[in-house]
Amino acid sequence: MQVSKWGNSLAIRIPASVSEVLQLKEGDDIEVVVAGTRTFEIRRQPSRDELMAQLKAYRGRLPADFIFDRDDANERGA
């Protein structure tokens, strides 16, 4: 990949093989995360529909002894 100037920023062109693996299309939001000294990761942000599907699939349960205390949840630091 080659780094190019784009306005006041720098840009890279993502190879087609990477965009296919990530199922990217024009207009998608991605996140670039520094993974090491000279390495990075590209992550595709999930769409609204994908997030909703994940929420629907989540069937987590709270522990039986869990008690929600509204005062503790809204407590402000002194």
N, C-alpha and C. Protein backbone atom coordinates (compact mmCIF):
# COMPACT_ATOMS: atom_id res chain seq x y z
N MET A 1 0.85 -1.18 0.00
CA MET A 1 0.00 0.00 0.00
C MET A 1 0.89 1.23 0.00
N GLN A 2 0.38 2.27 -0.60
CA GLN A 2 1.13 3.51 -0.68
C GLN A 2 0.36 4.61 0.05
N VAL A 3 1.10 5.43 0.78
CA VAL A 3 0.50 6.56 1.49
C VAL A 3 0.45 7.75 0.54
N SER A 4 -0.72 8.41 0.47
CA SER A 4 -0.90 9.57 -0.41
C SER A 4 -1.43 10.74 0.41
N LYS A 5 -1.24 11.93 -0.10
CA LYS A 5 -1.78 13.14 0.52
C LYS A 5 -3.23 13.29 0.07
N TRP A 6 -4.12 13.62 1.02
CA TRP A 6 -5.52 13.86 0.71
C TRP A 6 -5.96 15.05 1.54
N GLY A 7 -5.95 16.23 0.94
CA GLY A 7 -6.22 17.47 1.68
C GLY A 7 -5.11 17.67 2.69
N ASN A 8 -5.48 17.87 3.95
CA ASN A 8 -4.49 18.03 5.02
C ASN A 8 -4.16 16.69 5.68
N SER A 9 -4.72 15.61 5.19
CA SER A 9 -4.54 14.30 5.80
C SER A 9 -3.71 13.40 4.90
N LEU A 10 -3.39 12.23 5.43
CA LEU A 10 -2.75 11.18 4.64
C LEU A 10 -3.76 10.07 4.43
N ALA A 11 -3.67 9.37 3.32
CA ALA A 11 -4.63 8.32 3.00
C ALA A 11 -3.89 7.09 2.48
N ILE A 12 -4.50 5.93 2.67
CA ILE A 12 -4.00 4.70 2.06
C ILE A 12 -5.13 4.10 1.24
N ARG A 13 -4.77 3.42 0.20
CA ARG A 13 -5.75 2.72 -0.63
C ARG A 13 -5.78 1.28 -0.16
N ILE A 14 -6.95 0.80 0.19
CA ILE A 14 -7.10 -0.57 0.70
C ILE A 14 -7.20 -1.51 -0.49
N PRO A 15 -6.36 -2.55 -0.51
CA PRO A 15 -6.41 -3.50 -1.63
C PRO A 15 -7.76 -4.20 -1.71
N ALA A 16 -8.14 -4.58 -2.90
CA ALA A 16 -9.43 -5.25 -3.13
C ALA A 16 -9.55 -6.51 -2.30
N SER A 17 -8.46 -7.25 -2.12
CA SER A 17 -8.52 -8.50 -1.35
C SER A 17 -8.90 -8.22 0.11
N VAL A 18 -8.40 -7.13 0.67
CA VAL A 18 -8.73 -6.76 2.05
C VAL A 18 -10.19 -6.30 2.13
N SER A 19 -10.63 -5.48 1.18
CA SER A 19 -12.00 -5.00 1.21
C SER A 19 -13.00 -6.15 1.02
N GLU A 20 -12.62 -7.17 0.26
CA GLU A 20 -13.49 -8.33 0.09
C GLU A 20 -13.61 -9.12 1.38
N VAL A 21 -12.49 -9.33 2.07
CA VAL A 21 -12.51 -10.09 3.33
C VAL A 21 -13.35 -9.36 4.36
N LEU A 22 -13.20 -8.03 4.44
CA LEU A 22 -13.96 -7.23 5.40
C LEU A 22 -15.36 -6.88 4.91
N GLN A 23 -15.67 -7.27 3.69
CA GLN A 23 -16.97 -6.97 3.07
C GLN A 23 -17.26 -5.47 3.10
N LEU A 24 -16.25 -4.68 2.72
CA LEU A 24 -16.39 -3.22 2.70
C LEU A 24 -17.04 -2.76 1.42
N LYS A 25 -17.80 -1.69 1.54
CA LYS A 25 -18.34 -1.03 0.36
C LYS A 25 -18.23 0.47 0.59
N GLU A 26 -18.35 1.22 -0.45
CA GLU A 26 -18.21 2.68 -0.36
C GLU A 26 -19.19 3.23 0.67
N GLY A 27 -18.68 4.08 1.55
CA GLY A 27 -19.51 4.71 2.56
C GLY A 27 -19.49 4.01 3.91
N ASP A 28 -18.91 2.79 3.98
CA ASP A 28 -18.81 2.07 5.25
C ASP A 28 -17.89 2.81 6.21
N ASP A 29 -18.17 2.70 7.50
CA ASP A 29 -17.29 3.23 8.53
C ASP A 29 -16.33 2.13 8.94
N ILE A 30 -15.05 2.48 9.06
CA ILE A 30 -14.06 1.53 9.53
C ILE A 30 -13.29 2.17 10.68
N GLU A 31 -12.60 1.34 11.42
CA GLU A 31 -11.75 1.78 12.52
C GLU A 31 -10.36 1.26 12.24
N VAL A 32 -9.36 2.13 12.31
CA VAL A 32 -7.97 1.72 12.16
C VAL A 32 -7.34 1.79 13.54
N VAL A 33 -6.79 0.66 14.00
CA VAL A 33 -6.24 0.56 15.35
C VAL A 33 -4.75 0.23 15.25
N VAL A 34 -3.93 0.99 15.96
CA VAL A 34 -2.50 0.70 15.99
C VAL A 34 -2.31 -0.57 16.81
N ALA A 35 -1.71 -1.59 16.19
CA ALA A 35 -1.56 -2.90 16.83
C ALA A 35 -0.13 -3.14 17.29
N GLY A 36 0.79 -2.33 16.88
CA GLY A 36 2.20 -2.50 17.25
C GLY A 36 2.98 -1.29 16.80
N THR A 37 4.30 -1.40 16.83
CA THR A 37 5.15 -0.27 16.47
C THR A 37 4.91 0.17 15.03
N ARG A 38 4.83 -0.77 14.12
CA ARG A 38 4.64 -0.42 12.71
C ARG A 38 3.54 -1.26 12.08
N THR A 39 2.57 -1.67 12.88
CA THR A 39 1.46 -2.47 12.36
C THR A 39 0.13 -1.87 12.79
N PHE A 40 -0.90 -2.17 12.04
CA PHE A 40 -2.24 -1.69 12.38
C PHE A 40 -3.26 -2.72 11.95
N GLU A 41 -4.47 -2.57 12.49
CA GLU A 41 -5.59 -3.43 12.13
C GLU A 41 -6.70 -2.55 11.57
N ILE A 42 -7.42 -3.08 10.60
CA ILE A 42 -8.59 -2.40 10.06
C ILE A 42 -9.81 -3.20 10.46
N ARG A 43 -10.76 -2.54 11.07
CA ARG A 43 -11.99 -3.20 11.49
C ARG A 43 -13.17 -2.48 10.88
N ARG A 44 -14.10 -3.25 10.35
CA ARG A 44 -15.32 -2.67 9.82
C ARG A 44 -16.29 -2.45 10.97
N GLN A 45 -16.84 -1.25 11.06
CA GLN A 45 -17.84 -0.97 12.08
C GLN A 45 -19.12 -1.71 11.71
N PRO A 46 -19.74 -2.41 12.65
CA PRO A 46 -20.98 -3.13 12.32
C PRO A 46 -22.11 -2.16 11.97
N SER A 47 -22.96 -2.59 11.07
CA SER A 47 -24.11 -1.76 10.69
C SER A 47 -25.15 -1.81 11.80
N ARG A 48 -26.13 -0.95 11.72
CA ARG A 48 -27.22 -0.93 12.71
C ARG A 48 -27.93 -2.27 12.76
N ASP A 49 -28.20 -2.84 11.59
CA ASP A 49 -28.88 -4.13 11.52
C ASP A 49 -28.04 -5.25 12.15
N GLU A 50 -26.71 -5.21 11.92
CA GLU A 50 -25.84 -6.21 12.51
C GLU A 50 -25.81 -6.08 14.03
N LEU A 51 -25.78 -4.83 14.53
CA LEU A 51 -25.80 -4.62 15.98
C LEU A 51 -27.11 -5.11 16.59
N MET A 52 -28.21 -4.85 15.92
CA MET A 52 -29.50 -5.32 16.43
C MET A 52 -29.56 -6.85 16.45
N ALA A 53 -29.02 -7.49 15.43
CA ALA A 53 -29.00 -8.95 15.39
C ALA A 53 -28.15 -9.50 16.54
N GLN A 54 -27.03 -8.85 16.84
CA GLN A 54 -26.19 -9.29 17.95
C GLN A 54 -26.92 -9.14 19.27
N LEU A 55 -27.64 -8.03 19.44
CA LEU A 55 -28.40 -7.83 20.67
C LEU A 55 -29.50 -8.88 20.83
N LYS A 56 -30.19 -9.18 19.72
CA LYS A 56 -31.25 -10.19 19.78
C LYS A 56 -30.69 -11.57 20.10
N ALA A 57 -29.49 -11.86 19.61
CA ALA A 57 -28.88 -13.17 19.84
C ALA A 57 -28.32 -13.29 21.25
N TYR A 58 -28.05 -12.17 21.91
CA TYR A 58 -27.48 -12.21 23.26
C TYR A 58 -28.55 -12.65 24.25
N ARG A 59 -28.27 -13.70 24.95
CA ARG A 59 -29.24 -14.22 25.91
C ARG A 59 -28.62 -14.27 27.31
N GLY A 60 -27.75 -13.29 27.60
CA GLY A 60 -27.07 -13.28 28.89
C GLY A 60 -28.05 -13.10 30.04
N ARG A 61 -27.71 -13.66 31.15
CA ARG A 61 -28.52 -13.57 32.35
C ARG A 61 -27.68 -12.94 33.45
N LEU A 62 -28.31 -12.15 34.28
CA LEU A 62 -27.63 -11.59 35.44
C LEU A 62 -27.53 -12.66 36.52
N PRO A 63 -26.49 -12.58 37.36
CA PRO A 63 -26.38 -13.55 38.45
C PRO A 63 -27.60 -13.48 39.35
N ALA A 64 -27.96 -14.60 39.96
CA ALA A 64 -29.16 -14.68 40.81
C ALA A 64 -29.08 -13.70 41.97
N ASP A 65 -27.88 -13.42 42.47
CA ASP A 65 -27.74 -12.53 43.62
C ASP A 65 -27.55 -11.06 43.23
N PHE A 66 -27.69 -10.73 41.94
CA PHE A 66 -27.49 -9.35 41.48
C PHE A 66 -28.62 -8.46 41.98
N ILE A 67 -28.23 -7.32 42.55
CA ILE A 67 -29.21 -6.33 43.03
C ILE A 67 -28.82 -4.99 42.43
N PHE A 68 -29.74 -4.37 41.75
CA PHE A 68 -29.49 -3.05 41.17
C PHE A 68 -29.84 -2.00 42.21
N ASP A 69 -28.88 -1.16 42.54
CA ASP A 69 -29.09 -0.08 43.50
C ASP A 69 -28.98 1.24 42.73
N ARG A 70 -30.09 1.89 42.54
CA ARG A 70 -30.13 3.12 41.77
C ARG A 70 -29.24 4.21 42.38
N ASP A 71 -29.22 4.30 43.70
CA ASP A 71 -28.38 5.30 44.36
C ASP A 71 -26.90 5.04 44.10
N ASP A 72 -26.48 3.78 44.19
CA ASP A 72 -25.08 3.45 43.90
C ASP A 72 -24.74 3.73 42.44
N ALA A 73 -25.64 3.41 41.53
CA ALA A 73 -25.41 3.61 40.10
C ALA A 73 -25.27 5.08 39.76
N ASN A 74 -25.98 5.94 40.47
CA ASN A 74 -25.95 7.38 40.18
C ASN A 74 -25.06 8.18 41.13
N GLU A 75 -24.31 7.50 41.99
CA GLU A 75 -23.45 8.18 42.95
C GLU A 75 -22.37 8.95 42.23
N ARG A 76 -22.15 10.14 42.66
CA ARG A 76 -21.11 11.00 42.09
C ARG A 76 -19.91 11.00 43.02
N GLY A 77 -18.73 11.11 42.42
CA GLY A 77 -17.52 11.17 43.23
C GLY A 77 -17.49 12.44 44.08
N ALA A 78 -16.92 12.34 45.25
CA ALA A 78 -16.88 13.48 46.17
C ALA A 78 -15.79 14.46 45.81
